[in-house]
C-alpha atoms as a PDB file:
ATOM      1  CA  MET A   1       0.000   0.000   0.000  1.00  0.00           C
ATOM      2  CA  ASN A   2       0.929   3.635  -0.449  1.00  0.00           C
ATOM      3  CA  GLY A   3       2.512   4.811   2.788  1.00  0.00           C
ATOM      4  CA  THR A   4       0.909   8.266   2.586  1.00  0.00           C
ATOM      5  CA  LEU A   5      -2.672   6.997   2.720  1.00  0.00           C
ATOM      6  CA  THR A   6      -4.671   4.858   5.134  1.00  0.00           C
ATOM      7  CA  TYR A   7      -7.072   2.432   3.469  1.00  0.00           C
ATOM      8  CA  ARG A   8     -10.282   1.017   4.941  1.00  0.00           C
ATOM      9  CA  LEU A   9     -10.946  -2.362   3.345  1.00  0.00           C
ATOM     10  CA  ARG A  10     -14.481  -3.596   2.717  1.00  0.00           C
ATOM     11  CA  ASP A  11     -15.596  -7.029   3.882  1.00  0.00           C
ATOM     12  CA  PRO A  12     -15.187  -9.518   0.997  1.00  0.00           C
ATOM     13  CA  GLU A  13     -18.312 -11.317   2.227  1.00  0.00           C
ATOM     14  CA  GLN A  14     -20.322  -8.146   1.543  1.00  0.00           C
ATOM     15  CA  PHE A  15     -19.348  -7.940  -2.149  1.00  0.00           C
ATOM     16  CA  PRO A  16     -20.722  -6.357  -4.282  1.00  0.00           C
ATOM     17  CA  HIS A  17     -22.587  -4.278  -1.682  1.00  0.00           C
ATOM     18  CA  TRP A  18     -19.530  -2.251  -0.727  1.00  0.00           C
ATOM     19  CA  ASP A  19     -20.347   1.236   0.481  1.00  0.00           C
ATOM     20  CA  PHE A  20     -18.367   4.198  -0.823  1.00  0.00           C
ATOM     21  CA  ALA A  21     -19.151   7.909  -0.784  1.00  0.00           C
ATOM     22  CA  HIS A  22     -18.132   8.458  -4.414  1.00  0.00           C
ATOM     23  CA  LEU A  23     -18.071   5.007  -6.027  1.00  0.00           C
ATOM     24  CA  GLU A  24     -20.790   2.527  -6.911  1.00  0.00           C
ATOM     25  CA  ILE A  25     -19.753  -1.120  -7.231  1.00  0.00           C
ATOM     26  CA  GLU A  26     -21.807  -3.422  -9.447  1.00  0.00           C
ATOM     27  CA  TYR A  27     -21.408  -7.067 -10.409  1.00  0.00           C
ATOM     28  CA  ASP A  28     -22.707  -8.455 -13.704  1.00  0.00           C
ATOM     29  CA  ALA A  29     -22.885 -12.252 -13.591  1.00  0.00           C
ATOM     30  CA  GLU A  30     -23.377 -12.714 -17.347  1.00  0.00           C
ATOM     31  CA  THR A  31     -20.137 -10.951 -18.275  1.00  0.00           C
ATOM     32  CA  ARG A  32     -18.395 -11.749 -14.967  1.00  0.00           C
ATOM     33  CA  ALA A  33     -17.556  -8.084 -14.653  1.00  0.00           C
ATOM     34  CA  MET A  34     -17.136  -5.779 -11.676  1.00  0.00           C
ATOM     35  CA  TRP A  35     -18.076  -2.227 -12.561  1.00  0.00           C
ATOM     36  CA  MET A  36     -16.512   0.574 -10.527  1.00  0.00           C
ATOM     37  CA  ASN A  37     -18.571   3.629 -11.438  1.00  0.00           C
ATOM     38  CA  TYR A  38     -18.134   7.202 -10.280  1.00  0.00           C
ATOM     39  CA  LYS A  39     -21.420   8.195  -8.662  1.00  0.00           C
ATOM     40  CA  ALA A  40     -23.426  10.991 -10.271  1.00  0.00           C
ATOM     41  CA  SER A  41     -22.914  12.965  -7.057  1.00  0.00           C
ATOM     42  CA  ALA A  42     -19.131  12.401  -6.974  1.00  0.00           C
ATOM     43  CA  PRO A  43     -16.703  15.266  -7.646  1.00  0.00           C
ATOM     44  CA  HIS A  44     -15.969  15.873 -11.316  1.00  0.00           C
ATOM     45  CA  CYS A  45     -12.241  15.712 -10.498  1.00  0.00           C
ATOM     46  CA  TYR A  46     -10.010  13.351  -8.544  1.00  0.00           C
ATOM     47  CA  THR A  47      -9.984  14.713  -5.024  1.00  0.00           C
ATOM     48  CA  LEU A  48      -7.632  13.000  -2.581  1.00  0.00           C
ATOM     49  CA  GLU A  49     -10.684  11.457  -0.904  1.00  0.00           C
ATOM     50  CA  MET A  50     -11.833  10.014  -4.225  1.00  0.00           C
ATOM     51  CA  LEU A  51      -8.356   8.656  -5.010  1.00  0.00           C
ATOM     52  CA  THR A  52      -8.307   7.031  -1.576  1.00  0.00           C
ATOM     53  CA  GLU A  53     -11.673   5.376  -2.194  1.00  0.00           C
ATOM     54  CA  MET A  54     -10.504   4.004  -5.536  1.00  0.00           C
ATOM     55  CA  ALA A  55      -7.447   2.557  -3.814  1.00  0.00           C
ATOM     56  CA  GLU A  56      -9.720   1.057  -1.151  1.00  0.00           C
ATOM     57  CA  ALA A  57     -11.851  -0.554  -3.861  1.00  0.00           C
ATOM     58  CA  ARG A  58      -8.704  -2.001  -5.435  1.00  0.00           C
ATOM     59  CA  GLU A  59      -7.390  -3.377  -2.144  1.00  0.00           C
ATOM     60  CA  SER A  60     -10.823  -4.738  -1.224  1.00  0.00           C
ATOM     61  CA  LEU A  61     -10.969  -6.557  -4.560  1.00  0.00           C
ATOM     62  CA  ARG A  62      -7.556  -8.062  -3.885  1.00  0.00           C
ATOM     63  CA  GLY A  63      -8.908  -9.139  -0.499  1.00  0.00           C
ATOM     64  CA  LEU A  64     -11.817 -10.885  -2.205  1.00  0.00           C
ATOM     65  CA  PHE A  65      -9.383 -12.902  -4.344  1.00  0.00           C
ATOM     66  CA  ASP A  66      -7.145 -13.615  -1.336  1.00  0.00           C
ATOM     67  CA  ALA A  67     -10.178 -14.977   0.523  1.00  0.00           C
ATOM     68  CA  GLY A  68     -10.977 -17.326  -2.360  1.00  0.00           C
ATOM     69  CA  LEU A  69     -14.359 -15.690  -2.920  1.00  0.00           C
ATOM     70  CA  ASN A  70     -13.689 -15.210  -6.618  1.00  0.00           C
ATOM     71  CA  GLU A  71     -15.134 -18.723  -7.005  1.00  0.00           C
ATOM     72  CA  ARG A  72     -18.439 -17.389  -5.648  1.00  0.00           C
ATOM     73  CA  TRP A  73     -18.022 -14.143  -7.577  1.00  0.00           C
ATOM     74  CA  PRO A  74     -15.971 -15.039 -10.677  1.00  0.00           C
ATOM     75  CA  ILE A  75     -14.481 -11.835 -12.111  1.00  0.00           C
ATOM     76  CA  ARG A  76     -12.978 -11.672 -15.586  1.00  0.00           C
ATOM     77  CA  TYR A  77     -13.265  -7.938 -16.147  1.00  0.00           C
ATOM     78  CA  VAL A  78     -12.972  -4.829 -13.991  1.00  0.00           C
ATOM     79  CA  VAL A  79     -14.631  -1.872 -15.703  1.00  0.00           C
ATOM     80  CA  VAL A  80     -14.069   1.754 -14.700  1.00  0.00           C
ATOM     81  CA  GLY A  81     -17.041   3.894 -15.684  1.00  0.00           C
ATOM     82  CA  SER A  82     -19.153   6.840 -14.606  1.00  0.00           C
ATOM     83  CA  ASN A  83     -22.807   7.331 -13.770  1.00  0.00           C
ATOM     84  CA  LYS A  84     -22.515  10.998 -14.700  1.00  0.00           C
ATOM     85  CA  THR A  85     -24.360  12.029 -17.848  1.00  0.00           C
ATOM     86  CA  ASP A  86     -21.858  14.403 -19.439  1.00  0.00           C
ATOM     87  CA  VAL A  87     -18.616  13.852 -17.537  1.00  0.00           C
ATOM     88  CA  PHE A  88     -16.399  10.824 -17.019  1.00  0.00           C
ATOM     89  CA  SER A  89     -13.735  12.810 -15.155  1.00  0.00           C
ATOM     90  CA  LEU A  90     -12.276  16.289 -15.529  1.00  0.00           C
ATOM     91  CA  GLY A  91      -8.983  14.991 -14.151  1.00  0.00           C
ATOM     92  CA  GLY A  92      -6.779  16.384 -11.439  1.00  0.00           C
ATOM     93  CA  ASP A  93      -7.929  18.537  -8.543  1.00  0.00           C
ATOM     94  CA  VAL A  94      -6.865  21.875  -9.987  1.00  0.00           C
ATOM     95  CA  GLY A  95      -7.936  23.696  -6.818  1.00  0.00           C
ATOM     96  CA  THR A  96      -5.406  21.671  -4.813  1.00  0.00           C
ATOM     97  CA  PHE A  97      -2.770  22.354  -7.472  1.00  0.00           C
ATOM     98  CA  ALA A  98      -3.339  26.110  -7.419  1.00  0.00           C
ATOM     99  CA  ALA A  99      -3.425  26.374  -3.607  1.00  0.00           C
ATOM    100  CA  SER A 100      -0.257  24.283  -3.251  1.00  0.00           C
ATOM    101  CA  ILE A 101       1.567  26.393  -5.830  1.00  0.00           C
ATOM    102  CA  ARG A 102       0.500  29.661  -4.198  1.00  0.00           C
ATOM    103  CA  ASN A 103       1.650  28.328  -0.816  1.00  0.00           C
ATOM    104  CA  ARG A 104       4.877  26.956  -2.332  1.00  0.00           C
ATOM    105  CA  ASP A 105       3.918  23.618  -0.852  1.00  0.00           C
ATOM    106  CA  ARG A 106       5.847  21.220  -3.082  1.00  0.00           C
ATOM    107  CA  ASP A 107       5.362  18.358  -0.627  1.00  0.00           C
ATOM    108  CA  LYS A 108       1.568  18.579  -0.950  1.00  0.00           C
ATOM    109  CA  LEU A 109       1.859  18.484  -4.738  1.00  0.00           C
ATOM    110  CA  LEU A 110       4.035  15.390  -4.496  1.00  0.00           C
ATOM    111  CA  VAL A 111       1.644  13.640  -2.096  1.00  0.00           C
ATOM    112  CA  TYR A 112      -1.179  14.229  -4.576  1.00  0.00           C
ATOM    113  CA  ALA A 113       0.969  13.179  -7.549  1.00  0.00           C
ATOM    114  CA  ARG A 114       1.972   9.947  -5.824  1.00  0.00           C
ATOM    115  CA  ALA A 115      -1.651   9.120  -4.995  1.00  0.00           C
ATOM    116  CA  CYS A 116      -2.559   9.598  -8.679  1.00  0.00           C
ATOM    117  CA  ILE A 117       0.409   7.554  -9.875  1.00  0.00           C
ATOM    118  CA  ASP A 118      -0.425   4.793  -7.389  1.00  0.00           C
ATOM    119  CA  LEU A 119      -3.871   4.551  -8.994  1.00  0.00           C
ATOM    120  CA  VAL A 120      -2.641   4.751 -12.596  1.00  0.00           C
ATOM    121  CA  TYR A 121       0.091   2.186 -11.993  1.00  0.00           C
ATOM    122  CA  SER A 122      -2.280  -0.261 -10.306  1.00  0.00           C
ATOM    123  CA  VAL A 123      -4.711  -0.015 -13.245  1.00  0.00           C
ATOM    124  CA  LEU A 124      -1.767  -0.481 -15.604  1.00  0.00           C
ATOM    125  CA  ARG A 125      -0.837  -3.641 -13.668  1.00  0.00           C
ATOM    126  CA  GLY A 126      -4.396  -4.952 -13.732  1.00  0.00           C
ATOM    127  CA  PHE A 127      -4.446  -4.664  -9.917  1.00  0.00           C
ATOM    128  CA  ASP A 128      -1.989  -7.609 -10.001  1.00  0.00           C
ATOM    129  CA  LEU A 129      -4.986  -9.908 -10.434  1.00  0.00           C
ATOM    130  CA  PRO A 130      -5.953 -12.380 -13.207  1.00  0.00           C
ATOM    131  CA  ILE A 131      -8.391  -9.920 -14.768  1.00  0.00           C
ATOM    132  CA  VAL A 132      -8.747  -7.693 -17.822  1.00  0.00           C
ATOM    133  CA  THR A 133      -9.350  -3.975 -17.204  1.00  0.00           C
ATOM    134  CA  LEU A 134     -11.671  -1.908 -19.358  1.00  0.00           C
ATOM    135  CA  CYS A 135     -12.437   1.810 -19.204  1.00  0.00           C
ATOM    136  CA  ALA A 136     -15.862   2.867 -20.531  1.00  0.00           C
ATOM    137  CA  ILE A 137     -16.087   6.579 -21.367  1.00  0.00           C
ATOM    138  CA  ARG A 138     -18.933   8.901 -22.167  1.00  0.00           C
ATOM    139  CA  GLY A 139     -18.858  12.665 -21.900  1.00  0.00           C
ATOM    140  CA  GLN A 140     -15.702  14.543 -20.990  1.00  0.00           C
ATOM    141  CA  CYS A 141     -12.590  12.613 -20.006  1.00  0.00           C
ATOM    142  CA  LEU A 142      -9.742  15.051 -19.470  1.00  0.00           C
ATOM    143  CA  GLY A 143      -6.308  15.226 -17.903  1.00  0.00           C
ATOM    144  CA  GLY A 144      -5.952  12.658 -15.135  1.00  0.00           C
ATOM    145  CA  GLY A 145      -9.236  11.038 -16.155  1.00  0.00           C
ATOM    146  CA  PHE A 146      -7.768  10.330 -19.590  1.00  0.00           C
ATOM    147  CA  GLU A 147      -4.551   9.069 -17.971  1.00  0.00           C
ATOM    148  CA  THR A 148      -6.549   6.549 -15.938  1.00  0.00           C
ATOM    149  CA  ALA A 149      -8.357   5.458 -19.091  1.00  0.00           C
ATOM    150  CA  LEU A 150      -5.083   5.043 -21.002  1.00  0.00           C
ATOM    151  CA  ALA A 151      -3.756   2.793 -18.228  1.00  0.00           C
ATOM    152  CA  SER A 152      -6.525   0.227 -18.771  1.00  0.00           C
ATOM    153  CA  ASP A 153      -5.993  -2.857 -20.928  1.00  0.00           C
ATOM    154  CA  PHE A 154      -8.757  -1.788 -23.312  1.00  0.00           C
ATOM    155  CA  LEU A 155     -10.482   1.551 -23.817  1.00  0.00           C
ATOM    156  CA  LEU A 156     -14.103   1.872 -24.933  1.00  0.00           C
ATOM    157  CA  ALA A 157     -15.707   5.229 -25.683  1.00  0.00           C
ATOM    158  CA  GLU A 158     -18.859   6.678 -27.153  1.00  0.00           C
ATOM    159  CA  GLU A 159     -18.425   8.396 -30.509  1.00  0.00           C
ATOM    160  CA  SER A 160     -19.003  11.870 -29.070  1.00  0.00           C
ATOM    161  CA  ALA A 161     -16.902  11.366 -25.909  1.00  0.00           C
ATOM    162  CA  LYS A 162     -14.385  14.179 -25.504  1.00  0.00           C
ATOM    163  CA  CYS A 163     -10.897  13.195 -24.380  1.00  0.00           C
ATOM    164  CA  GLY A 164      -7.598  15.009 -24.056  1.00  0.00           C
ATOM    165  CA  VAL A 165      -4.868  16.429 -21.875  1.00  0.00           C
ATOM    166  CA  PRO A 166      -5.380  20.233 -21.818  1.00  0.00           C
ATOM    167  CA  GLU A 167      -2.752  21.020 -19.145  1.00  0.00           C
ATOM    168  CA  VAL A 168      -0.719  23.053 -21.638  1.00  0.00           C
ATOM    169  CA  THR A 169      -3.420  25.738 -21.374  1.00  0.00           C
ATOM    170  CA  PHE A 170      -2.008  26.683 -17.967  1.00  0.00           C
ATOM    171  CA  ASN A 171       1.618  26.086 -18.978  1.00  0.00           C
ATOM    172  CA  THR A 172       2.202  22.692 -17.432  1.00  0.00           C
ATOM    173  CA  PHE A 173       1.841  19.139 -18.752  1.00  0.00           C
ATOM    174  CA  PRO A 174       0.068  15.884 -17.800  1.00  0.00           C
ATOM    175  CA  GLY A 175       2.397  14.417 -15.198  1.00  0.00           C
ATOM    176  CA  MET A 176       0.688  11.220 -14.063  1.00  0.00           C
ATOM    177  CA  GLY A 177       1.294   8.883 -16.977  1.00  0.00           C
ATOM    178  CA  ALA A 178      -0.030  10.390 -20.222  1.00  0.00           C
ATOM    179  CA  THR A 179       3.407  10.943 -21.751  1.00  0.00           C
ATOM    180  CA  THR A 180       4.363   7.284 -21.299  1.00  0.00           C
ATOM    181  CA  LEU A 181       0.956   5.778 -22.056  1.00  0.00           C
ATOM    182  CA  LEU A 182       0.218   7.833 -25.174  1.00  0.00           C
ATOM    183  CA  THR A 183       3.704   7.097 -26.501  1.00  0.00           C
ATOM    184  CA  GLN A 184       3.012   3.379 -26.087  1.00  0.00           C
ATOM    185  CA  ARG A 185      -0.205   3.602 -28.057  1.00  0.00           C
ATOM    186  CA  VAL A 186       0.642   6.002 -30.892  1.00  0.00           C
ATOM    187  CA  GLY A 187       4.393   6.644 -30.838  1.00  0.00           C
ATOM    188  CA  SER A 188       6.376   9.588 -29.536  1.00  0.00           C
ATOM    189  CA  ALA A 189       5.668  12.087 -32.337  1.00  0.00           C
ATOM    190  CA  LEU A 190       1.878  11.914 -32.174  1.00  0.00           C
ATOM    191  CA  ALA A 191       1.906  11.634 -28.378  1.00  0.00           C
ATOM    192  CA  GLU A 192       3.931  14.845 -28.188  1.00  0.00           C
ATOM    193  CA  GLN A 193       1.525  16.543 -30.598  1.00  0.00           C
ATOM    194  CA  ILE A 194      -1.528  15.547 -28.555  1.00  0.00           C
ATOM    195  CA  ILE A 195       0.102  16.784 -25.337  1.00  0.00           C
ATOM    196  CA  ALA A 196       1.570  19.968 -26.816  1.00  0.00           C
ATOM    197  CA  ASN A 197      -1.565  21.227 -28.581  1.00  0.00           C
ATOM    198  CA  GLY A 198      -3.876  20.582 -25.630  1.00  0.00           C
ATOM    199  CA  SER A 199      -6.748  19.818 -27.978  1.00  0.00           C
ATOM    200  CA  ILE A 200      -9.807  17.763 -27.111  1.00  0.00           C
ATOM    201  CA  TYR A 201     -10.649  14.870 -29.442  1.00  0.00           C
ATOM    202  CA  PHE A 202     -13.860  12.995 -30.088  1.00  0.00           C
ATOM    203  CA  GLY A 203     -14.024   9.299 -29.291  1.00  0.00           C
ATOM    204  CA  ARG A 204     -14.362   8.449 -32.986  1.00  0.00           C
ATOM    205  CA  GLU A 205     -11.159  10.385 -33.769  1.00  0.00           C
ATOM    206  CA  LEU A 206      -9.254   8.531 -31.070  1.00  0.00           C
ATOM    207  CA  HIS A 207     -10.612   5.243 -32.419  1.00  0.00           C
ATOM    208  CA  ASP A 208      -9.224   6.141 -35.849  1.00  0.00           C
ATOM    209  CA  LEU A 209      -5.851   6.798 -34.181  1.00  0.00           C
ATOM    210  CA  GLY A 210      -5.905   3.443 -32.377  1.00  0.00           C
ATOM    211  CA  ILE A 211      -6.143   4.986 -28.907  1.00  0.00           C
ATOM    212  CA  VAL A 212      -9.737   3.860 -28.364  1.00  0.00           C
ATOM    213  CA  ASP A 213     -10.116   0.104 -28.884  1.00  0.00           C
ATOM    214  CA  VAL A 214     -13.911  -0.146 -29.042  1.00  0.00           C
ATOM    215  CA  LEU A 215     -16.255   2.564 -30.315  1.00  0.00           C
ATOM    216  CA  ALA A 216     -19.831   2.731 -29.001  1.00  0.00           C
ATOM    217  CA  PRO A 217     -22.750   4.607 -30.552  1.00  0.00           C
ATOM    218  CA  ASP A 218     -23.856   7.544 -28.449  1.00  0.00           C
ATOM    219  CA  GLY A 219     -26.213   6.363 -25.718  1.00  0.00           C
ATOM    220  CA  ALA A 220     -25.171   2.712 -26.037  1.00  0.00           C
ATOM    221  CA  LEU A 221     -22.035   2.596 -23.880  1.00  0.00           C
ATOM    222  CA  ARG A 222     -23.197  -0.065 -21.416  1.00  0.00           C
ATOM    223  CA  GLU A 223     -24.785  -2.228 -24.106  1.00  0.00           C
ATOM    224  CA  THR A 224     -21.640  -2.068 -26.245  1.00  0.00           C
ATOM    225  CA  ALA A 225     -19.386  -2.857 -23.279  1.00  0.00           C
ATOM    226  CA  ASN A 226     -21.524  -5.855 -22.272  1.00  0.00           C
ATOM    227  CA  ALA A 227     -21.666  -7.173 -25.843  1.00  0.00           C
ATOM    228  CA  TRP A 228     -17.874  -6.826 -26.161  1.00  0.00           C
ATOM    229  CA  MET A 229     -17.272  -8.681 -22.887  1.00  0.00           C
ATOM    230  CA  ARG A 230     -19.751 -11.461 -23.820  1.00  0.00           C
ATOM    231  CA  GLU A 231     -18.225 -11.921 -27.259  1.00  0.00           C
ATOM    232  CA  GLY A 232     -16.329 -15.191 -27.580  1.00  0.00           C
ATOM    233  CA  GLY A 233     -16.881 -16.249 -23.981  1.00  0.00           C
ATOM    234  CA  GLU A 234     -14.061 -17.803 -21.983  1.00  0.00           C
ATOM    235  CA  GLY A 235     -11.770 -18.285 -24.967  1.00  0.00           C
ATOM    236  CA  ARG A 236     -11.925 -14.647 -26.060  1.00  0.00           C
ATOM    237  CA  TRP A 237     -11.375 -13.438 -22.497  1.00  0.00           C
ATOM    238  CA  ARG A 238      -8.257 -15.599 -22.192  1.00  0.00           C
ATOM    239  CA  ARG A 239      -6.886 -14.246 -25.472  1.00  0.00           C
ATOM    240  CA  ARG A 240      -7.526 -10.684 -24.308  1.00  0.00           C
ATOM    241  CA  GLN A 241      -5.823 -11.425 -21.008  1.00  0.00           C
ATOM    242  CA  ALA A 242      -2.830 -12.918 -22.854  1.00  0.00           C
ATOM    243  CA  LEU A 243      -2.651  -9.868 -25.139  1.00  0.00           C
ATOM    244  CA  ALA A 244      -2.726  -7.534 -22.144  1.00  0.00           C
ATOM    245  CA  GLN A 245       0.068  -9.506 -20.480  1.00  0.00           C
ATOM    246  CA  ALA A 246       2.104  -9.490 -23.703  1.00  0.00           C
ATOM    247  CA  ARG A 247       1.791  -5.696 -23.943  1.00  0.00           C
ATOM    248  CA  LYS A 248       3.045  -5.326 -20.387  1.00  0.00           C
ATOM    249  CA  ARG A 249       6.053  -7.534 -21.125  1.00  0.00           C
ATOM    250  CA  CYS A 250       6.897  -5.852 -24.452  1.00  0.00           C
ATOM    251  CA  PHE A 251       6.324  -2.280 -23.234  1.00  0.00           C
ATOM    252  CA  PRO A 252       7.065  -2.340 -19.492  1.00  0.00           C
ATOM    253  CA  VAL A 253       6.326   0.764 -17.426  1.00  0.00           C
ATOM    254  CA  THR A 254       7.924   1.037 -14.019  1.00  0.00           C
ATOM    255  CA  TYR A 255       6.542   2.799 -10.968  1.00  0.00           C
ATOM    256  CA  ASP A 256       9.858   4.664 -10.623  1.00  0.00           C
ATOM    257  CA  GLU A 257       9.515   6.041 -14.151  1.00  0.00           C
ATOM    258  CA  LEU A 258       6.048   7.419 -13.400  1.00  0.00           C
ATOM    259  CA  ILE A 259       7.250   8.893 -10.097  1.00  0.00           C
ATOM    260  CA  ARG A 260      10.193  10.641 -11.785  1.00  0.00           C
ATOM    261  CA  VAL A 261       7.858  12.213 -14.348  1.00  0.00           C
ATOM    262  CA  GLY A 262       5.529  13.228 -11.506  1.00  0.00           C
ATOM    263  CA  GLU A 263       8.418  14.971  -9.781  1.00  0.00           C
ATOM    264  CA  VAL A 264       9.213  16.851 -12.999  1.00  0.00           C
ATOM    265  CA  TRP A 265       5.525  17.848 -13.172  1.00  0.00           C
ATOM    266  CA  ALA A 266       5.678  19.190  -9.596  1.00  0.00           C
ATOM    267  CA  GLU A 267       8.738  21.278 -10.416  1.00  0.00           C
ATOM    268  CA  CYS A 268       7.159  22.566 -13.634  1.00  0.00           C
ATOM    269  CA  SER A 269       3.928  23.447 -11.830  1.00  0.00           C
ATOM    270  CA  GLN A 270       5.782  25.610  -9.330  1.00  0.00           C
ATOM    271  CA  SER A 271       7.065  27.830 -12.126  1.00  0.00           C
ATOM    272  CA  VAL A 272       3.683  28.837 -13.571  1.00  0.00           C
ATOM    273  CA  THR A 273       2.764  32.528 -13.632  1.00  0.00           C
ATOM    274  CA  ASP A 274       0.122  34.388 -11.628  1.00  0.00           C
ATOM    275  CA  GLN A 275      -1.987  34.530 -14.783  1.00  0.00           C
ATOM    276  CA  ASP A 276      -1.765  30.741 -15.083  1.00  0.00           C
ATOM    277  CA  LEU A 277      -2.790  30.388 -11.440  1.00  0.00           C
ATOM    278  CA  LEU A 278      -5.824  32.626 -11.962  1.00  0.00           C
ATOM    279  CA  TYR A 279      -6.782  30.470 -14.916  1.00  0.00           C
ATOM    280  CA  MET A 280      -6.387  27.306 -12.830  1.00  0.00           C
ATOM    281  CA  GLU A 281      -8.541  28.806 -10.078  1.00  0.00           C
ATOM    282  CA  ARG A 282     -11.318  29.585 -12.577  1.00  0.00           C
ATOM    283  CA  LEU A 283     -11.126  26.004 -13.798  1.00  0.00           C
ATOM    284  CA  ALA A 284     -11.250  24.754 -10.195  1.00  0.00           C
ATOM    285  CA  THR A 285     -14.467  26.722  -9.681  1.00  0.00           C
ATOM    286  CA  ALA A 286     -15.957  25.017 -12.735  1.00  0.00           C
ATOM    287  CA  GLN A 287     -14.835  21.587 -11.490  1.00  0.00           C
ATOM    288  CA  THR A 288     -16.612  21.956  -8.175  1.00  0.00           C
ATOM    289  CA  ARG A 289     -19.935  23.107  -9.616  1.00  0.00           C
ATOM    290  CA  LEU A 290     -22.512  20.950 -11.380  1.00  0.00           C
ATOM    291  CA  LEU A 291     -22.202  22.688 -14.723  1.00  0.00           C
ATOM    292  CA  SER A 292     -23.148  21.445 -18.149  1.00  0.00           C
ATOM    293  CA  PRO A 293     -20.250  20.840 -20.587  1.00  0.00           C
ATOM    294  CA  ARG A 294     -21.173  23.931 -22.625  1.00  0.00           C
ATOM    295  CA  ARG A 295     -21.177  26.195 -19.546  1.00  0.00           C
ATOM    296  CA  ILE A 296     -17.835  24.760 -18.381  1.00  0.00           C
ATOM    297  CA  ALA A 297     -16.421  25.486 -21.840  1.00  0.00           C
ATOM    298  CA  ARG A 298     -17.607  29.100 -21.695  1.00  0.00           C
ATOM    299  CA  HIS A 299     -16.342  29.502 -18.137  1.00  0.00           C
ATOM    300  CA  THR A 300     -12.834  28.208 -18.682  1.00  0.00           C
ATOM    301  CA  GLY A 301     -12.056  28.299 -22.370  1.00  0.00           C
ATOM    302  CA  VAL A 302     -10.327  24.913 -21.970  1.00  0.00           C
ATOM    303  CA  LEU A 303     -12.879  22.527 -23.318  1.00  0.00           C
ATOM    304  CA  ALA A 304     -13.483  23.765 -26.852  1.00  0.00           C
ATOM    305  CA  VAL A 305     -13.408  20.758 -29.155  1.00  0.00           C
ATOM    306  CA  LYS A 306     -10.843  20.797 -31.927  1.00  0.00           C
ATOM    307  CA  ASN A 307     -11.004  18.157 -34.653  1.00  0.00           C
ATOM    308  CA  LEU A 308      -7.792  16.587 -35.940  1.00  0.00           C
ATOM    309  CA  SER A 309      -8.678  17.819 -39.403  1.00  0.00           C
ATOM    310  CA  SER A 310      -9.020  21.466 -38.343  1.00  0.00           C
END
C-alpha cells in the first residue's frame, strides 16, 4: 500500500454491496464483470478522498481474491465507468494544485501526484490480479481522467466522448502517466503533438488513431461494453488477457519512471505565472460546480473541441 494513505478495506463477504461515498460497485454475472462507477454525485475531479476510495476498492478486490471468494463471484473484467451524464472525469484537482503552488507547498503536490500515480500504476498492472481492465467513457474525459483510461488494458468510448490532456493551457503538462501511455499507443511524435496542442478529441477520432479500442454509438455505452465482454466467452477473455500480459512484457512501465515524471511535473507546476494560477482557479471553480459541458467550456475556455482535421 501507499505509505501516505490509510485504506479502509471492505468485507469480501459483503461484495458487491460495498459502500463508498463516491463510487458505486456493481457485479454483472453474465459478463463476470465488476463495474466501478463514479457516482453521479461524486466530484468531477479526482480529489484526494476520491483517489483514496478508488485505492480502497482495489485493495478490497484483492482481499476478495485472497479470501478465495472469486469462485463465488468469478471476475474476468474490472470496468471503470461513470454514472454521470456528461462527464467521465475532468482529471486532477486543480484547486489543490493552485493552492499548493500559491503556498509553495511542493510536498503537498508530491503527495497528490503519488496518490494519482499509485492509482494509474495499479490499473496499468491490472491490480496484479488475473483480470482484464476496461475503461468505458462517455462525456468529458480530461487530464488525469484520460490518464486513468489510457492505463486500462482496453479503452471503450462513445463516438461523441471528448478526451484530451489540456494542461498546456495553464503552462504545465500531464504528469501522471499520459506521456508514457500515449507514446506506447501512438508513438512519440503523435503523443507529443496531442500533449503539446492541448486539444480535445472525439471518441471516434481517437478510435481512428488506435487509442480507443472499441467505439460505441452515443447512448449505447453499457450495451456495447456488455456485448464486447460477452463476445467469444471464456476463450476470447483468455486471449484478451494474454494480449494484455504481452503488452506489459513488451512495453514495461515502471513505478519509478512514473514517479520521476511526476516529480518533474511538480517542479514545472511551481514555475507557472500568476496569470496561469488565476486560470487554474477559474477552472477549479468550474470543477466543483454541477455545470453542463457547454457552460464549463464558456467559463474556462479549456474545453473547446478541436477536430484533428481542423
